[in-house]
Amino acid sequence: MKTRVIAGLVALVVSFTAGASTAAGWWDRPKPPKPGTVVPALPAGQSNPMIATGVSIGANTPVYKTSGIGPTALNTDAPAGSEASYVDTTVFPGGALPAGVTITEAQGINVLRRIGENLQAAGLSYADVYTMRVFLQNPAGATTADFAGWNRAYRQYFANTDLTTGRYVPVPLGTAPPAKPFVVNKSRPSRFALEIENLPVTGWLVEVEVDAAYPGKR
């Protein structure tokens, strides 16, 4: 009987050891982030990735969630409710778009400026954003949403620094030569962008919702 029990225990230990060699144990897993911190998981081997593959949020980290925010109708020279009426005339005087700047790109810039204002009112900034959800509608006459235009707008405010050097990476506005982004920001939130049939406000092509954190340490 004793021989059988000992043999069984040896077999159990051998089996456990073999299993541990083929699968990572709990002791090999990355540690959770410290309380009050937000840690993005970034793609390996990229000096300027656009988004994080995921984000870890430490315990007891206060967070802030915006509602879906669309562009503000600032271009009073354009017909009310038109796509052009949502061009931010502070960035594009008179609502005139430079060469290659698409209406989705212009509206995306408008939306991100509004998000910046929303965050500032809550004591936050673009650097505190860790998750973003983007909804895009096709411009009039287009068969697909303008993801390229949106991404140019996004890079003006997010994910525009080189992770190796820490310096900003020039961003194009339309077809103009790349230049310093509007807001230099190393934050790379997790993100999705969807093409949908209709946004809730006539003329909107972009709606964005973000989550931001009040980290103990930036």
Protein backbone atom coordinates (compact mmCIF):
# COMPACT_ATOMS: atom_id res chain seq x y z
CA MET A 1 0.00 0.00 0.00
CA LYS A 2 2.77 2.48 0.97
CA THR A 3 4.58 1.71 -2.28
CA ARG A 4 1.46 2.52 -4.29
CA VAL A 5 0.86 5.81 -2.45
CA ILE A 6 4.47 6.95 -2.93
CA ALA A 7 4.41 5.97 -6.59
CA GLY A 8 1.18 7.92 -7.05
CA LEU A 9 2.65 11.02 -5.45
CA VAL A 10 5.74 10.81 -7.64
CA ALA A 11 3.55 10.50 -10.72
CA LEU A 12 1.50 13.52 -9.61
CA VAL A 13 4.63 15.64 -9.11
CA VAL A 14 6.03 14.59 -12.48
CA SER A 15 2.70 15.39 -14.17
CA PHE A 16 2.50 18.83 -12.52
CA THR A 17 6.10 19.62 -13.49
CA ALA A 18 5.50 18.58 -17.09
CA GLY A 19 2.39 20.71 -17.28
CA ALA A 20 4.22 23.71 -15.89
CA SER A 21 6.81 23.42 -18.62
CA THR A 22 4.19 23.73 -21.36
CA ALA A 23 1.97 26.45 -19.90
CA ALA A 24 2.83 29.60 -18.01
CA GLY A 25 1.93 29.44 -14.35
CA TRP A 26 0.33 32.21 -12.35
CA TRP A 27 3.81 33.26 -11.21
CA ASP A 28 4.79 34.05 -14.81
CA ARG A 29 1.90 36.39 -15.49
CA PRO A 30 2.51 40.16 -15.68
CA LYS A 31 1.75 41.92 -12.43
CA PRO A 32 -1.32 44.18 -12.36
CA PRO A 33 -0.63 47.92 -12.48
CA LYS A 34 -0.12 49.77 -9.24
CA PRO A 35 -3.11 51.59 -7.72
CA GLY A 36 -3.69 54.94 -9.36
CA THR A 37 -1.87 54.08 -12.57
CA VAL A 38 -2.90 53.29 -16.15
CA VAL A 39 -0.62 51.06 -18.24
CA PRO A 40 -1.18 50.67 -22.01
CA ALA A 41 -0.13 47.48 -23.78
CA LEU A 42 1.67 48.63 -26.92
CA PRO A 43 2.51 46.62 -30.05
CA ALA A 44 6.08 45.36 -29.97
CA GLY A 45 8.64 46.66 -32.42
CA GLN A 46 6.81 49.89 -33.34
CA SER A 47 8.24 53.31 -32.53
CA ASN A 48 4.98 55.17 -33.19
CA PRO A 49 1.96 52.84 -32.88
CA MET A 50 -1.45 54.42 -33.42
CA ILE A 51 -3.33 52.66 -30.62
CA ALA A 52 -2.73 50.39 -27.66
CA THR A 53 -3.69 46.74 -27.91
CA GLY A 54 -5.25 47.05 -24.47
CA VAL A 55 -5.05 49.04 -21.25
CA SER A 56 -4.62 47.93 -17.63
CA ILE A 57 -6.09 50.12 -14.91
CA GLY A 58 -4.78 49.90 -11.37
CA ALA A 59 -7.08 49.61 -8.40
CA ASN A 60 -8.64 52.74 -6.94
CA THR A 61 -7.99 54.77 -10.09
CA PRO A 62 -10.69 57.44 -10.49
CA VAL A 63 -12.03 57.45 -14.05
CA TYR A 64 -14.11 59.81 -16.19
CA LYS A 65 -16.31 58.86 -19.14
CA THR A 66 -17.62 61.35 -21.65
CA SER A 67 -20.85 61.00 -23.54
CA GLY A 68 -20.70 60.64 -27.30
CA ILE A 69 -19.47 64.00 -28.59
CA GLY A 70 -19.93 65.28 -32.11
CA PRO A 71 -18.72 68.41 -33.88
CA THR A 72 -20.13 71.82 -33.02
CA ALA A 73 -21.80 73.85 -35.77
CA LEU A 74 -19.30 76.72 -35.95
CA ASN A 75 -19.34 77.50 -39.66
CA THR A 76 -22.30 79.86 -39.93
CA ASP A 77 -21.51 80.58 -43.58
CA ALA A 78 -22.59 77.04 -44.48
CA PRO A 79 -26.25 75.91 -44.53
CA ALA A 80 -27.51 74.76 -41.14
CA GLY A 81 -27.32 70.98 -40.77
CA SER A 82 -24.89 70.57 -43.66
CA GLU A 83 -21.64 68.66 -43.29
CA ALA A 84 -19.72 71.88 -43.96
CA SER A 85 -21.47 73.66 -41.08
CA TYR A 86 -19.45 71.45 -38.70
CA VAL A 87 -16.08 72.77 -39.82
CA ASP A 88 -14.29 74.53 -36.96
CA THR A 89 -13.62 78.04 -38.27
CA THR A 90 -10.96 78.63 -35.60
CA VAL A 91 -8.82 76.02 -37.32
CA PHE A 92 -10.13 76.64 -40.84
CA PRO A 93 -11.01 80.33 -41.20
CA GLY A 94 -14.16 80.90 -43.20
CA GLY A 95 -14.72 77.14 -43.32
CA ALA A 96 -12.28 76.82 -46.24
CA LEU A 97 -10.45 73.49 -46.20
CA PRO A 98 -6.81 73.36 -47.35
CA ALA A 99 -5.77 71.03 -50.15
CA GLY A 100 -6.53 67.41 -49.38
CA VAL A 101 -8.31 68.04 -46.09
CA THR A 102 -11.50 65.98 -46.17
CA ILE A 103 -14.76 66.91 -44.52
CA THR A 104 -14.39 63.92 -42.17
CA GLU A 105 -10.89 65.06 -41.24
CA ALA A 106 -12.18 68.57 -40.54
CA GLN A 107 -15.09 67.28 -38.46
CA GLY A 108 -12.73 64.94 -36.62
CA ILE A 109 -10.57 67.90 -35.63
CA ASN A 110 -13.71 69.73 -34.49
CA VAL A 111 -14.79 66.77 -32.35
CA LEU A 112 -11.38 66.31 -30.77
CA ARG A 113 -11.22 69.99 -29.88
CA ARG A 114 -14.60 69.64 -28.16
CA ILE A 115 -13.35 66.57 -26.30
CA GLY A 116 -10.33 68.56 -25.15
CA GLU A 117 -12.66 71.21 -23.74
CA ASN A 118 -14.79 68.55 -22.05
CA LEU A 119 -11.74 66.97 -20.45
CA GLN A 120 -10.35 70.31 -19.32
CA ALA A 121 -13.62 71.11 -17.56
CA ALA A 122 -13.21 67.85 -15.63
CA GLY A 123 -9.60 68.61 -14.70
CA LEU A 124 -8.16 66.26 -17.32
CA SER A 125 -6.31 66.46 -20.63
CA TYR A 126 -5.76 64.44 -23.80
CA ALA A 127 -2.86 62.72 -22.03
CA ASP A 128 -5.30 61.13 -19.57
CA VAL A 129 -7.41 59.37 -22.21
CA TYR A 130 -7.01 55.60 -22.17
CA THR A 131 -9.95 54.35 -24.28
CA MET A 132 -11.75 55.80 -27.30
CA ARG A 133 -14.80 54.74 -29.31
CA VAL A 134 -15.31 56.30 -32.74
CA PHE A 135 -18.38 56.24 -34.98
CA LEU A 136 -18.09 57.41 -38.58
CA GLN A 137 -20.79 58.10 -41.15
CA ASN A 138 -20.16 58.14 -44.89
CA PRO A 139 -19.82 61.65 -46.35
CA ALA A 140 -22.53 62.56 -48.85
CA GLY A 141 -21.98 60.66 -52.08
CA ALA A 142 -19.34 58.33 -50.61
CA THR A 143 -19.80 54.59 -50.35
CA THR A 144 -17.55 54.16 -47.31
CA ALA A 145 -16.51 56.11 -44.26
CA ASP A 146 -13.33 58.17 -44.49
CA PHE A 147 -11.11 56.29 -42.05
CA ALA A 148 -7.94 57.84 -43.49
CA GLY A 149 -9.22 61.37 -42.91
CA TRP A 150 -10.28 60.47 -39.37
CA ASN A 151 -6.87 58.96 -38.61
CA ARG A 152 -5.11 62.13 -39.74
CA ALA A 153 -7.32 64.13 -37.38
CA TYR A 154 -6.65 61.65 -34.57
CA ARG A 155 -2.89 61.87 -35.00
CA GLN A 156 -3.08 65.65 -34.53
CA TYR A 157 -4.05 65.01 -30.89
CA PHE A 158 -2.99 61.46 -30.00
CA ALA A 159 -0.16 58.99 -30.60
CA ASN A 160 2.19 61.45 -32.27
CA THR A 161 5.47 60.92 -30.44
CA ASP A 162 8.30 58.48 -31.12
CA LEU A 163 8.51 56.01 -28.24
CA THR A 164 12.27 55.68 -28.74
CA THR A 165 13.29 59.33 -28.92
CA GLY A 166 10.34 60.97 -27.17
CA ARG A 167 10.14 63.57 -29.94
CA TYR A 168 6.98 64.41 -31.83
CA VAL A 169 6.32 62.79 -35.19
CA PRO A 170 5.14 65.22 -37.92
CA VAL A 171 1.53 64.74 -39.01
CA PRO A 172 0.04 65.72 -42.40
CA LEU A 173 -3.00 67.98 -42.62
CA GLY A 174 -4.69 66.82 -45.78
CA THR A 175 -2.03 66.56 -48.47
CA ALA A 176 0.24 69.19 -46.95
CA PRO A 177 3.74 68.16 -45.90
CA PRO A 178 3.74 66.65 -42.38
CA ALA A 179 4.22 69.25 -39.67
CA LYS A 180 4.16 69.53 -35.88
CA PRO A 181 0.88 68.10 -34.55
CA PHE A 182 -1.68 70.43 -33.01
CA VAL A 183 -1.17 68.79 -29.59
CA VAL A 184 1.97 66.79 -28.89
CA ASN A 185 0.73 63.77 -26.96
CA LYS A 186 2.29 60.37 -26.33
CA SER A 187 -1.01 58.87 -25.13
CA ARG A 188 -2.11 55.84 -27.18
CA PRO A 189 -5.55 54.76 -26.03
CA SER A 190 -7.18 51.49 -26.88
CA ARG A 191 -9.66 52.32 -29.63
CA PHE A 192 -12.22 51.07 -32.07
CA ALA A 193 -13.68 52.89 -35.08
CA LEU A 194 -16.91 51.81 -36.73
CA GLU A 195 -18.70 52.82 -39.90
CA ILE A 196 -22.40 53.24 -39.18
CA GLU A 197 -25.37 54.23 -41.31
CA ASN A 198 -26.60 57.31 -39.46
CA LEU A 199 -25.38 59.50 -36.63
CA PRO A 200 -27.99 61.21 -34.43
CA VAL A 201 -27.48 64.76 -35.73
CA THR A 202 -27.98 65.73 -39.37
CA GLY A 203 -24.64 66.67 -40.89
CA TRP A 204 -22.48 64.83 -38.36
CA LEU A 205 -19.89 62.46 -39.81
CA VAL A 206 -17.97 61.81 -36.59
CA GLU A 207 -18.97 61.01 -33.02
CA VAL A 208 -16.45 60.09 -30.34
CA GLU A 209 -16.63 58.87 -26.75
CA VAL A 210 -13.58 58.62 -24.48
CA ASP A 211 -12.64 57.29 -21.06
CA ALA A 212 -9.96 59.10 -19.09
CA ALA A 213 -8.29 58.46 -15.74
CA TYR A 214 -7.11 60.60 -12.88
CA PRO A 215 -3.83 58.75 -12.29
CA GLY A 216 -1.79 59.27 -9.17
CA LYS A 217 1.28 59.52 -11.38
CA ARG A 218 1.35 60.47 -15.05
